[in-house]
N, C-alpha and C. Protein backbone atom coordinates (compact mmCIF):
# COMPACT_ATOMS: atom_id res chain seq x y z
N MET A 1 -11.86 5.41 18.67
CA MET A 1 -11.01 5.64 17.52
C MET A 1 -11.46 4.79 16.34
N GLU A 2 -11.45 5.37 15.16
CA GLU A 2 -11.76 4.62 13.95
C GLU A 2 -10.47 4.22 13.24
N ILE A 3 -10.55 3.10 12.52
CA ILE A 3 -9.45 2.65 11.68
C ILE A 3 -9.94 2.63 10.24
N TRP A 4 -9.23 3.35 9.39
CA TRP A 4 -9.54 3.35 7.96
C TRP A 4 -8.36 2.72 7.22
N VAL A 5 -8.65 2.09 6.12
CA VAL A 5 -7.62 1.59 5.22
C VAL A 5 -7.66 2.46 3.96
N VAL A 6 -6.49 2.92 3.53
CA VAL A 6 -6.37 3.61 2.25
C VAL A 6 -5.61 2.67 1.32
N THR A 7 -6.24 2.29 0.23
CA THR A 7 -5.65 1.35 -0.70
C THR A 7 -5.85 1.86 -2.12
N GLY A 8 -5.41 1.08 -3.08
CA GLY A 8 -5.56 1.49 -4.47
C GLY A 8 -4.32 1.16 -5.27
N PRO A 9 -4.40 1.29 -6.59
CA PRO A 9 -3.29 0.91 -7.46
C PRO A 9 -2.11 1.86 -7.36
N ILE A 10 -0.97 1.36 -7.79
CA ILE A 10 0.25 2.14 -7.83
C ILE A 10 0.04 3.40 -8.69
N GLY A 11 0.50 4.53 -8.16
CA GLY A 11 0.42 5.78 -8.90
C GLY A 11 -0.90 6.51 -8.79
N ALA A 12 -1.86 5.97 -8.03
CA ALA A 12 -3.16 6.63 -7.94
C ALA A 12 -3.17 7.77 -6.93
N GLY A 13 -2.31 7.69 -5.92
CA GLY A 13 -2.24 8.78 -4.95
C GLY A 13 -2.58 8.39 -3.53
N LYS A 14 -2.35 7.13 -3.15
CA LYS A 14 -2.63 6.70 -1.78
C LYS A 14 -1.86 7.53 -0.76
N SER A 15 -0.58 7.73 -1.03
CA SER A 15 0.25 8.46 -0.07
C SER A 15 -0.19 9.91 0.06
N THR A 16 -0.66 10.49 -1.05
CA THR A 16 -1.15 11.87 -1.00
C THR A 16 -2.39 11.94 -0.12
N VAL A 17 -3.30 10.98 -0.28
CA VAL A 17 -4.51 10.96 0.57
C VAL A 17 -4.14 10.75 2.02
N SER A 18 -3.21 9.84 2.28
CA SER A 18 -2.77 9.60 3.66
C SER A 18 -2.17 10.86 4.26
N SER A 19 -1.37 11.59 3.48
CA SER A 19 -0.77 12.83 3.97
C SER A 19 -1.83 13.88 4.30
N LEU A 20 -2.85 13.95 3.45
CA LEU A 20 -3.94 14.90 3.71
C LEU A 20 -4.72 14.51 4.97
N LEU A 21 -4.92 13.23 5.16
CA LEU A 21 -5.61 12.77 6.38
C LEU A 21 -4.75 13.06 7.61
N LYS A 22 -3.44 12.92 7.45
CA LYS A 22 -2.53 13.24 8.56
C LYS A 22 -2.64 14.70 8.96
N GLU A 23 -2.81 15.58 7.96
CA GLU A 23 -2.99 17.01 8.26
C GLU A 23 -4.24 17.25 9.11
N HIS A 24 -5.19 16.33 9.01
CA HIS A 24 -6.42 16.43 9.81
C HIS A 24 -6.29 15.66 11.12
N GLY A 25 -5.08 15.22 11.47
CA GLY A 25 -4.85 14.59 12.76
C GLY A 25 -4.78 13.08 12.78
N ALA A 26 -4.90 12.45 11.62
CA ALA A 26 -4.83 10.98 11.57
C ALA A 26 -3.42 10.50 11.83
N GLN A 27 -3.31 9.35 12.45
CA GLN A 27 -2.03 8.67 12.63
C GLN A 27 -1.90 7.63 11.51
N ILE A 28 -0.79 7.64 10.78
CA ILE A 28 -0.64 6.81 9.59
C ILE A 28 0.25 5.60 9.87
N VAL A 29 -0.19 4.44 9.40
CA VAL A 29 0.63 3.23 9.40
C VAL A 29 0.84 2.86 7.94
N ASP A 30 2.08 2.95 7.47
CA ASP A 30 2.40 2.74 6.06
C ASP A 30 2.90 1.32 5.85
N ALA A 31 2.10 0.48 5.20
CA ALA A 31 2.47 -0.91 4.99
C ALA A 31 3.73 -1.05 4.14
N ASP A 32 3.96 -0.09 3.24
CA ASP A 32 5.16 -0.16 2.41
C ASP A 32 6.42 0.00 3.26
N LEU A 33 6.38 0.93 4.22
CA LEU A 33 7.52 1.09 5.13
C LEU A 33 7.69 -0.14 6.01
N LEU A 34 6.58 -0.69 6.47
CA LEU A 34 6.67 -1.92 7.26
C LEU A 34 7.26 -3.06 6.43
N GLY A 35 6.99 -3.03 5.13
CA GLY A 35 7.54 -4.04 4.23
C GLY A 35 9.06 -4.04 4.22
N HIS A 36 9.66 -2.86 4.40
CA HIS A 36 11.12 -2.78 4.49
C HIS A 36 11.61 -3.53 5.72
N GLU A 37 10.88 -3.38 6.84
CA GLU A 37 11.25 -4.09 8.07
C GLU A 37 11.12 -5.60 7.88
N VAL A 38 10.05 -6.02 7.22
CA VAL A 38 9.80 -7.44 7.02
C VAL A 38 10.94 -8.08 6.22
N LEU A 39 11.46 -7.37 5.23
CA LEU A 39 12.53 -7.92 4.40
C LEU A 39 13.83 -8.11 5.17
N LYS A 40 13.94 -7.48 6.35
CA LYS A 40 15.13 -7.66 7.20
C LYS A 40 14.99 -8.85 8.14
N ASP A 41 13.77 -9.41 8.22
CA ASP A 41 13.54 -10.58 9.06
C ASP A 41 14.34 -11.76 8.49
N PRO A 42 15.19 -12.40 9.29
CA PRO A 42 16.03 -13.50 8.77
C PRO A 42 15.23 -14.63 8.13
N LEU A 43 14.07 -14.96 8.70
CA LEU A 43 13.27 -16.04 8.12
C LEU A 43 12.73 -15.66 6.74
N VAL A 44 12.29 -14.43 6.61
CA VAL A 44 11.80 -13.94 5.32
C VAL A 44 12.94 -13.88 4.32
N ARG A 45 14.05 -13.30 4.76
CA ARG A 45 15.21 -13.17 3.86
C ARG A 45 15.66 -14.55 3.36
N ASP A 46 15.77 -15.51 4.28
CA ASP A 46 16.23 -16.85 3.89
C ASP A 46 15.25 -17.52 2.93
N GLY A 47 13.96 -17.33 3.16
CA GLY A 47 12.95 -17.91 2.28
C GLY A 47 13.01 -17.32 0.88
N LEU A 48 13.23 -16.02 0.81
CA LEU A 48 13.32 -15.36 -0.49
C LEU A 48 14.59 -15.75 -1.24
N VAL A 49 15.69 -15.85 -0.50
CA VAL A 49 16.96 -16.26 -1.13
C VAL A 49 16.85 -17.70 -1.64
N GLU A 50 16.17 -18.54 -0.88
CA GLU A 50 15.99 -19.93 -1.31
C GLU A 50 15.22 -19.99 -2.63
N TYR A 51 14.25 -19.11 -2.79
CA TYR A 51 13.42 -19.13 -4.01
C TYR A 51 14.10 -18.40 -5.17
N PHE A 52 14.61 -17.19 -4.90
CA PHE A 52 15.11 -16.33 -5.98
C PHE A 52 16.63 -16.44 -6.19
N GLY A 53 17.34 -16.94 -5.19
CA GLY A 53 18.79 -16.98 -5.26
C GLY A 53 19.41 -15.78 -4.59
N ASP A 54 20.72 -15.85 -4.34
CA ASP A 54 21.36 -14.76 -3.61
C ASP A 54 21.66 -13.54 -4.49
N CYS A 55 21.19 -13.58 -5.73
CA CYS A 55 21.31 -12.40 -6.60
C CYS A 55 20.50 -11.22 -6.07
N ILE A 56 19.53 -11.50 -5.17
CA ILE A 56 18.68 -10.42 -4.64
C ILE A 56 19.32 -9.74 -3.43
N LEU A 57 20.52 -10.22 -3.04
CA LEU A 57 21.19 -9.67 -1.86
C LEU A 57 22.30 -8.71 -2.25
N LYS A 58 22.49 -7.73 -1.39
CA LYS A 58 23.66 -6.85 -1.46
C LYS A 58 24.08 -6.60 -0.02
N GLU A 59 25.29 -6.98 0.30
CA GLU A 59 25.80 -6.87 1.67
C GLU A 59 24.85 -7.54 2.66
N GLY A 60 24.30 -8.67 2.25
CA GLY A 60 23.46 -9.47 3.13
C GLY A 60 22.02 -9.02 3.26
N GLN A 61 21.66 -7.93 2.57
CA GLN A 61 20.30 -7.39 2.66
C GLN A 61 19.58 -7.53 1.32
N ILE A 62 18.29 -7.80 1.40
CA ILE A 62 17.49 -7.92 0.18
C ILE A 62 17.34 -6.54 -0.47
N GLN A 63 17.58 -6.50 -1.75
CA GLN A 63 17.47 -5.26 -2.52
C GLN A 63 16.13 -5.25 -3.27
N ARG A 64 15.25 -4.37 -2.85
CA ARG A 64 13.94 -4.29 -3.50
C ARG A 64 14.07 -3.93 -4.98
N SER A 65 15.09 -3.16 -5.31
CA SER A 65 15.28 -2.75 -6.71
C SER A 65 15.62 -3.95 -7.60
N ILE A 66 16.17 -5.00 -7.01
CA ILE A 66 16.47 -6.22 -7.76
C ILE A 66 15.28 -7.17 -7.70
N LEU A 67 14.67 -7.27 -6.53
CA LEU A 67 13.55 -8.19 -6.33
C LEU A 67 12.33 -7.79 -7.16
N GLY A 68 12.06 -6.50 -7.22
CA GLY A 68 10.87 -6.00 -7.92
C GLY A 68 10.71 -6.51 -9.34
N PRO A 69 11.72 -6.29 -10.19
CA PRO A 69 11.58 -6.76 -11.57
C PRO A 69 11.41 -8.27 -11.71
N LEU A 70 11.86 -9.02 -10.70
CA LEU A 70 11.73 -10.48 -10.76
C LEU A 70 10.29 -10.95 -10.52
N VAL A 71 9.48 -10.09 -9.87
CA VAL A 71 8.12 -10.54 -9.52
C VAL A 71 7.02 -9.83 -10.30
N PHE A 72 7.30 -8.67 -10.85
CA PHE A 72 6.22 -7.88 -11.44
C PHE A 72 5.55 -8.54 -12.64
N ASP A 73 6.28 -9.34 -13.37
CA ASP A 73 5.65 -10.00 -14.52
C ASP A 73 5.67 -11.52 -14.39
N ASP A 74 5.72 -12.01 -13.14
CA ASP A 74 5.76 -13.45 -12.89
C ASP A 74 4.79 -13.77 -11.75
N ASP A 75 3.61 -14.28 -12.10
CA ASP A 75 2.57 -14.52 -11.09
C ASP A 75 3.02 -15.49 -10.01
N GLU A 76 3.76 -16.52 -10.41
CA GLU A 76 4.21 -17.52 -9.42
C GLU A 76 5.20 -16.91 -8.44
N ALA A 77 6.11 -16.10 -8.96
CA ALA A 77 7.09 -15.44 -8.10
C ALA A 77 6.41 -14.44 -7.17
N MET A 78 5.44 -13.71 -7.69
CA MET A 78 4.70 -12.76 -6.86
C MET A 78 3.95 -13.48 -5.75
N ALA A 79 3.35 -14.62 -6.08
CA ALA A 79 2.62 -15.40 -5.08
C ALA A 79 3.55 -15.87 -3.97
N ARG A 80 4.75 -16.30 -4.34
CA ARG A 80 5.72 -16.75 -3.34
C ARG A 80 6.17 -15.59 -2.46
N LEU A 81 6.42 -14.44 -3.07
CA LEU A 81 6.80 -13.25 -2.30
C LEU A 81 5.71 -12.91 -1.30
N ASN A 82 4.46 -12.89 -1.75
CA ASN A 82 3.34 -12.57 -0.87
C ASN A 82 3.19 -13.59 0.25
N GLU A 83 3.38 -14.86 -0.09
CA GLU A 83 3.26 -15.94 0.90
C GLU A 83 4.27 -15.76 2.04
N LEU A 84 5.46 -15.32 1.69
CA LEU A 84 6.52 -15.15 2.69
C LEU A 84 6.41 -13.84 3.46
N THR A 85 5.94 -12.79 2.82
CA THR A 85 5.98 -11.47 3.45
C THR A 85 4.67 -11.02 4.08
N HIS A 86 3.53 -11.48 3.56
CA HIS A 86 2.26 -10.95 4.07
C HIS A 86 1.97 -11.29 5.53
N PRO A 87 2.17 -12.54 5.99
CA PRO A 87 1.86 -12.82 7.40
C PRO A 87 2.63 -11.93 8.39
N PRO A 88 3.97 -11.79 8.26
CA PRO A 88 4.64 -10.90 9.21
C PRO A 88 4.28 -9.43 9.01
N LEU A 89 3.96 -9.06 7.77
CA LEU A 89 3.55 -7.67 7.50
C LEU A 89 2.22 -7.36 8.18
N ILE A 90 1.28 -8.28 8.09
CA ILE A 90 -0.02 -8.09 8.74
C ILE A 90 0.15 -8.02 10.25
N ASP A 91 1.01 -8.87 10.79
CA ASP A 91 1.26 -8.85 12.24
C ASP A 91 1.81 -7.49 12.68
N LEU A 92 2.76 -6.97 11.91
CA LEU A 92 3.35 -5.66 12.24
C LEU A 92 2.31 -4.55 12.16
N ALA A 93 1.52 -4.55 11.08
CA ALA A 93 0.49 -3.52 10.91
C ALA A 93 -0.53 -3.58 12.04
N THR A 94 -0.95 -4.78 12.39
CA THR A 94 -1.92 -4.95 13.48
C THR A 94 -1.36 -4.43 14.80
N ALA A 95 -0.09 -4.73 15.07
CA ALA A 95 0.55 -4.28 16.30
C ALA A 95 0.63 -2.75 16.35
N HIS A 96 0.99 -2.12 15.23
CA HIS A 96 1.06 -0.65 15.19
C HIS A 96 -0.32 -0.03 15.41
N LEU A 97 -1.32 -0.58 14.77
CA LEU A 97 -2.68 -0.05 14.95
C LEU A 97 -3.14 -0.21 16.41
N GLN A 98 -2.78 -1.32 17.02
CA GLN A 98 -3.17 -1.53 18.42
C GLN A 98 -2.47 -0.54 19.34
N GLU A 99 -1.21 -0.24 19.05
CA GLU A 99 -0.48 0.77 19.84
C GLU A 99 -1.17 2.12 19.75
N ILE A 100 -1.61 2.48 18.55
CA ILE A 100 -2.30 3.76 18.38
C ILE A 100 -3.61 3.75 19.16
N ARG A 101 -4.35 2.65 19.06
CA ARG A 101 -5.61 2.54 19.81
C ARG A 101 -5.36 2.66 21.32
N ASP A 102 -4.34 1.95 21.79
CA ASP A 102 -4.05 1.94 23.23
C ASP A 102 -3.61 3.30 23.75
N SER A 103 -3.00 4.10 22.88
CA SER A 103 -2.53 5.43 23.31
C SER A 103 -3.68 6.38 23.61
N ARG A 104 -4.85 6.13 23.00
CA ARG A 104 -6.05 6.96 23.19
C ARG A 104 -5.80 8.44 22.87
N GLN A 105 -4.88 8.69 21.95
CA GLN A 105 -4.54 10.07 21.60
C GLN A 105 -5.05 10.49 20.23
N HIS A 106 -5.62 9.54 19.49
CA HIS A 106 -6.02 9.85 18.12
C HIS A 106 -7.46 9.41 17.86
N GLU A 107 -8.13 10.21 17.06
CA GLU A 107 -9.50 9.90 16.67
C GLU A 107 -9.53 8.96 15.47
N LEU A 108 -8.42 8.97 14.70
CA LEU A 108 -8.37 8.20 13.46
C LEU A 108 -6.98 7.62 13.23
N ALA A 109 -6.94 6.33 12.92
CA ALA A 109 -5.70 5.68 12.45
C ALA A 109 -5.95 5.22 11.03
N VAL A 110 -4.95 5.40 10.18
CA VAL A 110 -5.08 5.05 8.76
C VAL A 110 -3.98 4.06 8.38
N LEU A 111 -4.39 2.93 7.87
CA LEU A 111 -3.45 1.95 7.33
C LEU A 111 -3.40 2.14 5.82
N GLU A 112 -2.22 2.52 5.31
CA GLU A 112 -2.04 2.66 3.87
C GLU A 112 -1.44 1.36 3.34
N ALA A 113 -2.20 0.65 2.50
CA ALA A 113 -1.76 -0.66 2.03
C ALA A 113 -2.29 -0.94 0.63
N ALA A 114 -1.40 -0.95 -0.35
CA ALA A 114 -1.81 -1.14 -1.74
C ALA A 114 -2.52 -2.46 -1.96
N VAL A 115 -2.00 -3.52 -1.34
CA VAL A 115 -2.54 -4.86 -1.61
C VAL A 115 -3.40 -5.36 -0.45
N TYR A 116 -4.05 -4.44 0.22
CA TYR A 116 -4.89 -4.81 1.38
C TYR A 116 -5.86 -5.93 1.04
N PHE A 117 -6.41 -5.93 -0.15
CA PHE A 117 -7.42 -6.93 -0.51
C PHE A 117 -6.84 -8.32 -0.73
N LEU A 118 -5.52 -8.45 -0.73
CA LEU A 118 -4.90 -9.77 -0.79
C LEU A 118 -4.72 -10.36 0.61
N TRP A 119 -4.94 -9.55 1.63
CA TRP A 119 -4.75 -10.01 3.01
C TRP A 119 -6.04 -10.64 3.53
N PRO A 120 -5.92 -11.48 4.57
CA PRO A 120 -7.14 -11.90 5.27
C PRO A 120 -7.81 -10.67 5.89
N PRO A 121 -9.12 -10.69 6.09
CA PRO A 121 -9.79 -9.53 6.67
C PRO A 121 -9.18 -9.14 8.02
N MET A 122 -8.95 -7.85 8.20
CA MET A 122 -8.40 -7.37 9.47
C MET A 122 -9.55 -6.93 10.38
N PRO A 123 -9.47 -7.24 11.66
CA PRO A 123 -10.53 -6.84 12.58
C PRO A 123 -10.51 -5.33 12.83
N HIS A 124 -11.64 -4.81 13.18
CA HIS A 124 -11.77 -3.41 13.63
C HIS A 124 -11.54 -2.37 12.55
N VAL A 125 -11.60 -2.74 11.28
CA VAL A 125 -11.50 -1.74 10.21
C VAL A 125 -12.87 -1.15 9.96
N ASP A 126 -12.97 0.17 10.06
CA ASP A 126 -14.27 0.83 9.93
C ASP A 126 -14.61 1.19 8.48
N ARG A 127 -13.60 1.59 7.69
CA ARG A 127 -13.85 1.95 6.30
C ARG A 127 -12.64 1.59 5.45
N VAL A 128 -12.90 1.15 4.24
CA VAL A 128 -11.84 0.93 3.26
C VAL A 128 -12.03 1.94 2.14
N ILE A 129 -11.02 2.75 1.92
CA ILE A 129 -11.07 3.82 0.93
C ILE A 129 -10.09 3.49 -0.19
N SER A 130 -10.59 3.40 -1.39
CA SER A 130 -9.73 3.17 -2.55
C SER A 130 -9.46 4.49 -3.25
N VAL A 131 -8.20 4.73 -3.53
CA VAL A 131 -7.80 5.88 -4.32
C VAL A 131 -7.46 5.36 -5.71
N VAL A 132 -8.19 5.84 -6.70
CA VAL A 132 -7.99 5.37 -8.07
C VAL A 132 -7.70 6.56 -8.98
N ALA A 133 -7.17 6.26 -10.15
CA ALA A 133 -6.94 7.28 -11.17
C ALA A 133 -6.84 6.56 -12.50
N ASN A 134 -7.11 7.27 -13.59
CA ASN A 134 -7.05 6.59 -14.88
C ASN A 134 -5.62 6.20 -15.23
N ASP A 135 -5.49 5.22 -16.09
CA ASP A 135 -4.19 4.63 -16.39
C ASP A 135 -3.18 5.64 -16.94
N ASP A 136 -3.64 6.54 -17.80
CA ASP A 136 -2.72 7.51 -18.39
C ASP A 136 -2.13 8.43 -17.33
N VAL A 137 -2.97 8.86 -16.40
CA VAL A 137 -2.50 9.73 -15.32
C VAL A 137 -1.49 8.99 -14.46
N ARG A 138 -1.80 7.75 -14.11
CA ARG A 138 -0.89 6.95 -13.28
C ARG A 138 0.44 6.72 -13.99
N LEU A 139 0.35 6.42 -15.27
CA LEU A 139 1.55 6.17 -16.07
C LEU A 139 2.48 7.38 -16.04
N GLN A 140 1.92 8.56 -16.31
CA GLN A 140 2.74 9.77 -16.33
C GLN A 140 3.32 10.09 -14.96
N ARG A 141 2.52 9.92 -13.90
CA ARG A 141 3.01 10.19 -12.55
C ARG A 141 4.19 9.29 -12.20
N LEU A 142 4.05 8.00 -12.51
CA LEU A 142 5.07 7.04 -12.12
C LEU A 142 6.35 7.20 -12.95
N MET A 143 6.21 7.50 -14.22
CA MET A 143 7.40 7.72 -15.03
C MET A 143 8.18 8.93 -14.52
N LYS A 144 7.45 9.95 -14.08
CA LYS A 144 8.09 11.16 -13.60
C LYS A 144 8.66 10.98 -12.19
N SER A 145 7.87 10.43 -11.28
CA SER A 145 8.29 10.37 -9.87
C SER A 145 9.30 9.27 -9.59
N ARG A 146 9.27 8.19 -10.36
CA ARG A 146 10.17 7.06 -10.07
C ARG A 146 11.25 6.88 -11.13
N ASN A 147 11.25 7.76 -12.12
CA ASN A 147 12.27 7.70 -13.16
C ASN A 147 12.34 6.32 -13.81
N LEU A 148 11.16 5.81 -14.18
CA LEU A 148 11.05 4.49 -14.80
C LEU A 148 10.63 4.65 -16.26
N SER A 149 10.94 3.65 -17.05
CA SER A 149 10.50 3.65 -18.45
C SER A 149 9.01 3.30 -18.51
N GLU A 150 8.42 3.57 -19.67
CA GLU A 150 7.00 3.24 -19.84
C GLU A 150 6.77 1.74 -19.65
N ASN A 151 7.65 0.91 -20.18
CA ASN A 151 7.48 -0.55 -20.05
C ASN A 151 7.59 -0.99 -18.59
N GLN A 152 8.51 -0.40 -17.85
CA GLN A 152 8.66 -0.75 -16.43
C GLN A 152 7.39 -0.38 -15.65
N VAL A 153 6.85 0.79 -15.93
CA VAL A 153 5.64 1.23 -15.25
C VAL A 153 4.46 0.33 -15.61
N ARG A 154 4.33 0.03 -16.89
CA ARG A 154 3.21 -0.81 -17.31
C ARG A 154 3.29 -2.20 -16.67
N ALA A 155 4.48 -2.73 -16.48
CA ALA A 155 4.63 -4.04 -15.82
C ALA A 155 4.17 -3.97 -14.38
N ARG A 156 4.50 -2.89 -13.70
CA ARG A 156 4.07 -2.72 -12.31
C ARG A 156 2.55 -2.55 -12.22
N MET A 157 2.01 -1.79 -13.15
CA MET A 157 0.56 -1.59 -13.16
C MET A 157 -0.16 -2.91 -13.45
N ALA A 158 0.36 -3.67 -14.40
CA ALA A 158 -0.28 -4.94 -14.79
C ALA A 158 -0.26 -5.94 -13.65
N SER A 159 0.78 -5.87 -12.79
CA SER A 159 0.89 -6.83 -11.68
C SER A 159 -0.24 -6.68 -10.67
N GLN A 160 -0.95 -5.53 -10.72
CA GLN A 160 -2.04 -5.28 -9.78
C GLN A 160 -3.43 -5.38 -10.42
N ASP A 161 -3.48 -5.75 -11.69
CA ASP A 161 -4.76 -5.77 -12.41
C ASP A 161 -5.81 -6.63 -11.72
N SER A 162 -5.41 -7.72 -11.09
CA SER A 162 -6.38 -8.63 -10.47
C SER A 162 -7.13 -7.99 -9.31
N LEU A 163 -6.61 -6.86 -8.81
CA LEU A 163 -7.25 -6.20 -7.66
C LEU A 163 -8.25 -5.11 -8.07
N SER A 164 -8.38 -4.85 -9.35
CA SER A 164 -9.22 -3.74 -9.83
C SER A 164 -10.64 -3.82 -9.30
N SER A 165 -11.24 -5.00 -9.35
CA SER A 165 -12.64 -5.13 -8.92
C SER A 165 -12.79 -4.85 -7.43
N PHE A 166 -11.77 -5.21 -6.65
CA PHE A 166 -11.83 -4.93 -5.21
C PHE A 166 -11.77 -3.43 -4.95
N TRP A 167 -10.83 -2.76 -5.63
CA TRP A 167 -10.71 -1.32 -5.43
C TRP A 167 -11.99 -0.59 -5.79
N GLU A 168 -12.62 -1.00 -6.86
CA GLU A 168 -13.84 -0.33 -7.31
C GLU A 168 -15.02 -0.58 -6.37
N ASN A 169 -14.92 -1.61 -5.54
CA ASN A 169 -16.02 -1.95 -4.63
C ASN A 169 -15.69 -1.68 -3.17
N ALA A 170 -14.72 -0.82 -2.93
CA ALA A 170 -14.41 -0.43 -1.56
C ALA A 170 -15.56 0.38 -0.98
N ASP A 171 -15.51 0.64 0.31
CA ASP A 171 -16.57 1.43 0.95
C ASP A 171 -16.68 2.82 0.31
N ILE A 172 -15.52 3.40 0.02
CA ILE A 172 -15.47 4.73 -0.60
C ILE A 172 -14.41 4.68 -1.69
N VAL A 173 -14.73 5.24 -2.87
CA VAL A 173 -13.77 5.30 -3.97
C VAL A 173 -13.51 6.77 -4.28
N LEU A 174 -12.23 7.18 -4.17
CA LEU A 174 -11.83 8.55 -4.50
C LEU A 174 -11.12 8.53 -5.84
N ASP A 175 -11.62 9.30 -6.80
CA ASP A 175 -10.98 9.40 -8.10
C ASP A 175 -9.98 10.55 -8.06
N ASN A 176 -8.70 10.19 -8.16
CA ASN A 176 -7.64 11.19 -8.11
C ASN A 176 -7.02 11.41 -9.49
N SER A 177 -7.88 11.47 -10.49
CA SER A 177 -7.40 11.71 -11.85
C SER A 177 -7.28 13.21 -12.15
N HIS A 178 -7.70 14.05 -11.21
CA HIS A 178 -7.78 15.48 -11.48
C HIS A 178 -6.76 16.25 -10.65
N ASP A 179 -7.07 17.49 -10.32
CA ASP A 179 -6.09 18.33 -9.64
C ASP A 179 -6.11 18.11 -8.13
N GLN A 180 -5.06 18.63 -7.48
CA GLN A 180 -4.88 18.48 -6.04
C GLN A 180 -6.01 19.13 -5.25
N GLY A 181 -6.53 20.23 -5.78
CA GLY A 181 -7.62 20.91 -5.09
C GLY A 181 -8.85 20.03 -4.96
N SER A 182 -9.19 19.30 -6.01
CA SER A 182 -10.34 18.40 -5.97
C SER A 182 -10.13 17.30 -4.94
N LEU A 183 -8.90 16.81 -4.86
CA LEU A 183 -8.61 15.75 -3.89
C LEU A 183 -8.71 16.28 -2.47
N LYS A 184 -8.21 17.47 -2.23
CA LYS A 184 -8.31 18.05 -0.89
C LYS A 184 -9.75 18.20 -0.45
N LEU A 185 -10.61 18.63 -1.36
CA LEU A 185 -12.03 18.76 -1.04
C LEU A 185 -12.63 17.40 -0.69
N ALA A 186 -12.27 16.37 -1.46
CA ALA A 186 -12.80 15.03 -1.22
C ALA A 186 -12.35 14.51 0.14
N VAL A 187 -11.09 14.74 0.49
CA VAL A 187 -10.57 14.28 1.78
C VAL A 187 -11.24 15.06 2.92
N GLY A 188 -11.48 16.35 2.70
CA GLY A 188 -12.19 17.13 3.71
C GLY A 188 -13.57 16.58 3.99
N LYS A 189 -14.26 16.12 2.94
CA LYS A 189 -15.57 15.50 3.13
C LYS A 189 -15.46 14.18 3.89
N LEU A 190 -14.37 13.45 3.61
CA LEU A 190 -14.16 12.19 4.33
C LEU A 190 -14.06 12.42 5.83
N ILE A 191 -13.34 13.47 6.22
CA ILE A 191 -13.13 13.74 7.63
C ILE A 191 -14.45 13.97 8.35
N THR A 192 -15.42 14.53 7.66
CA THR A 192 -16.72 14.78 8.31
C THR A 192 -17.40 13.47 8.71
N LEU A 193 -17.00 12.37 8.11
CA LEU A 193 -17.59 11.07 8.48
C LEU A 193 -17.24 10.67 9.90
N LEU A 194 -16.14 11.22 10.42
CA LEU A 194 -15.76 10.92 11.81
C LEU A 194 -16.78 11.45 12.79
N ASP A 195 -17.44 12.52 12.41
CA ASP A 195 -18.41 13.14 13.33
C ASP A 195 -19.80 12.57 13.12
N ALA A 196 -19.97 11.72 12.10
CA ALA A 196 -21.31 11.22 11.77
C ALA A 196 -21.76 10.19 12.79
């Protein structure tokens, strides 16, 4: 079994690529969904409340909608969030990938992780695929899909600027600035790499 990572900036189309790979039989591990689990961990929750205050809680649970704006334009706050959440997130992702490997039922497992390049190197990753798109395309997609203002979207995009060089130097870079048909063709070519 091969393990691929699908990464890239917000709004570029990581989830779309992962969905297309799933149609070809890949098993997907979504780091964003795992992030929801991590925020329920009492140690993580307590650490975040200690730093940000209990304003981030609602009925005892961390609210991402409140936490997000606090970190997107604050490098120190983002660093603290990553420090608290990345180790348990990596552990969860590694465990899920190992379960897929142990099942021996899949030819391909895909870890979808926007900030993969901020993590320590993960063992057994065969390819890192970056999904990118030009800023205008990403801006329009995010304003439409997440019902955010232009300023809110630009803040989220800017919070990932430091990762641009990593995304551009991944094993494979898919440009998703165009139509869905072009992306499907590109993903179809990717699948042929499994047989190489």
